[in-house]
Amino acid sequence: LTPLDLPLPVDEAVAAADTAAAATRRWRTVSMDAAAGTLHLTRTTPVFRFVDDVRLTFEPIPAGCRVHA
């Protein structure tokens, strides 16, 4: 996956990603550390109930932050 650059500080980007996941069905936040720039989410598939892990890291850059998945 290609990293995504956002025009937000790391802590705000982590909070925004967590809020977006909370508003989406079948997504759950497992852990969040805005100071370290990490977010661990899971998504449960609808049919067989498989659980997919998604880990995001937010790296500070001069224009904001870079998100790696």
C-alpha atoms as a PDB file:
ATOM      1  CA  LEU A   1       0.000   0.000   0.000  1.00  0.00           C
ATOM      2  CA  THR A   2       1.168   3.504  -0.736  1.00  0.00           C
ATOM      3  CA  PRO A   3       1.492   5.778   2.312  1.00  0.00           C
ATOM      4  CA  LEU A   4      -1.025   8.593   2.591  1.00  0.00           C
ATOM      5  CA  ASP A   5       0.086  12.129   3.462  1.00  0.00           C
ATOM      6  CA  LEU A   6      -2.334  14.170   5.564  1.00  0.00           C
ATOM      7  CA  PRO A   7      -2.151  17.882   6.439  1.00  0.00           C
ATOM      8  CA  LEU A   8      -2.771  17.141  10.139  1.00  0.00           C
ATOM      9  CA  PRO A   9      -0.515  16.683  13.154  1.00  0.00           C
ATOM     10  CA  VAL A  10      -0.067  13.044  14.193  1.00  0.00           C
ATOM     11  CA  ASP A  11      -2.340  13.186  17.262  1.00  0.00           C
ATOM     12  CA  GLU A  12      -5.205  14.788  15.308  1.00  0.00           C
ATOM     13  CA  ALA A  13      -4.858  12.292  12.446  1.00  0.00           C
ATOM     14  CA  VAL A  14      -4.942   9.336  14.849  1.00  0.00           C
ATOM     15  CA  ALA A  15      -8.065  10.738  16.534  1.00  0.00           C
ATOM     16  CA  ALA A  16      -9.745  11.361  13.160  1.00  0.00           C
ATOM     17  CA  ALA A  17      -9.009   7.805  11.976  1.00  0.00           C
ATOM     18  CA  ASP A  18     -10.335   6.385  15.246  1.00  0.00           C
ATOM     19  CA  THR A  19     -13.529   8.459  14.936  1.00  0.00           C
ATOM     20  CA  ALA A  20     -14.032   7.319  11.332  1.00  0.00           C
ATOM     21  CA  ALA A  21     -13.592   3.658  12.306  1.00  0.00           C
ATOM     22  CA  ALA A  22     -16.029   4.013  15.215  1.00  0.00           C
ATOM     23  CA  ALA A  23     -18.664   5.370  12.837  1.00  0.00           C
ATOM     24  CA  THR A  24     -18.275   2.410  10.456  1.00  0.00           C
ATOM     25  CA  ARG A  25     -20.069  -0.908  10.980  1.00  0.00           C
ATOM     26  CA  ARG A  26     -18.013  -3.934  12.038  1.00  0.00           C
ATOM     27  CA  TRP A  27     -14.870  -1.901  12.847  1.00  0.00           C
ATOM     28  CA  ARG A  28     -13.469  -1.866  16.397  1.00  0.00           C
ATOM     29  CA  THR A  29     -10.508  -0.068  17.936  1.00  0.00           C
ATOM     30  CA  VAL A  30      -8.213  -2.505  19.733  1.00  0.00           C
ATOM     31  CA  SER A  31      -5.587   0.025  20.814  1.00  0.00           C
ATOM     32  CA  MET A  32      -4.725   3.632  20.140  1.00  0.00           C
ATOM     33  CA  ASP A  33      -1.661   5.648  21.126  1.00  0.00           C
ATOM     34  CA  ALA A  34      -1.853   9.149  19.693  1.00  0.00           C
ATOM     35  CA  ALA A  35       1.487  10.145  21.217  1.00  0.00           C
ATOM     36  CA  ALA A  36       3.270   7.209  19.528  1.00  0.00           C
ATOM     37  CA  GLY A  37       1.198   7.545  16.352  1.00  0.00           C
ATOM     38  CA  THR A  38      -0.270   4.036  16.285  1.00  0.00           C
ATOM     39  CA  LEU A  39      -3.779   2.715  15.802  1.00  0.00           C
ATOM     40  CA  HIS A  40      -4.795  -0.972  15.790  1.00  0.00           C
ATOM     41  CA  LEU A  41      -8.233  -1.769  14.399  1.00  0.00           C
ATOM     42  CA  THR A  42     -10.150  -4.939  13.588  1.00  0.00           C
ATOM     43  CA  ARG A  43     -12.926  -5.512  11.093  1.00  0.00           C
ATOM     44  CA  THR A  44     -15.256  -8.515  11.238  1.00  0.00           C
ATOM     45  CA  THR A  45     -16.487  -9.857   7.890  1.00  0.00           C
ATOM     46  CA  PRO A  46     -20.261 -10.188   7.627  1.00  0.00           C
ATOM     47  CA  VAL A  47     -20.681 -13.766   6.373  1.00  0.00           C
ATOM     48  CA  PHE A  48     -18.076 -15.974   8.051  1.00  0.00           C
ATOM     49  CA  ARG A  49     -17.176 -13.524  10.859  1.00  0.00           C
ATOM     50  CA  PHE A  50     -13.439 -13.548  10.049  1.00  0.00           C
ATOM     51  CA  VAL A  51     -11.508 -10.855  11.900  1.00  0.00           C
ATOM     52  CA  ASP A  52      -9.088  -8.740   9.875  1.00  0.00           C
ATOM     53  CA  ASP A  53      -6.364  -6.778  11.683  1.00  0.00           C
ATOM     54  CA  VAL A  54      -5.426  -3.312  10.454  1.00  0.00           C
ATOM     55  CA  ARG A  55      -2.486  -1.478  11.985  1.00  0.00           C
ATOM     56  CA  LEU A  56      -1.843   2.148  11.126  1.00  0.00           C
ATOM     57  CA  THR A  57       1.276   4.110  11.962  1.00  0.00           C
ATOM     58  CA  PHE A  58       1.393   7.873  11.670  1.00  0.00           C
ATOM     59  CA  GLU A  59       4.796   9.415  10.921  1.00  0.00           C
ATOM     60  CA  PRO A  60       5.362  13.159  11.316  1.00  0.00           C
ATOM     61  CA  ILE A  61       6.491  14.984   8.165  1.00  0.00           C
ATOM     62  CA  PRO A  62       6.944  18.742   7.595  1.00  0.00           C
ATOM     63  CA  ALA A  63       3.536  19.111   5.923  1.00  0.00           C
ATOM     64  CA  GLY A  64       1.625  17.090   8.569  1.00  0.00           C
ATOM     65  CA  CYS A  65       1.856  13.294   8.829  1.00  0.00           C
ATOM     66  CA  ARG A  66       2.276  10.195   6.693  1.00  0.00           C
ATOM     67  CA  VAL A  67       0.003   7.196   7.328  1.00  0.00           C
ATOM     68  CA  HIS A  68       1.333   3.667   6.786  1.00  0.00           C
ATOM     69  CA  ALA A  69      -1.019   0.665   6.822  1.00  0.00           C
END
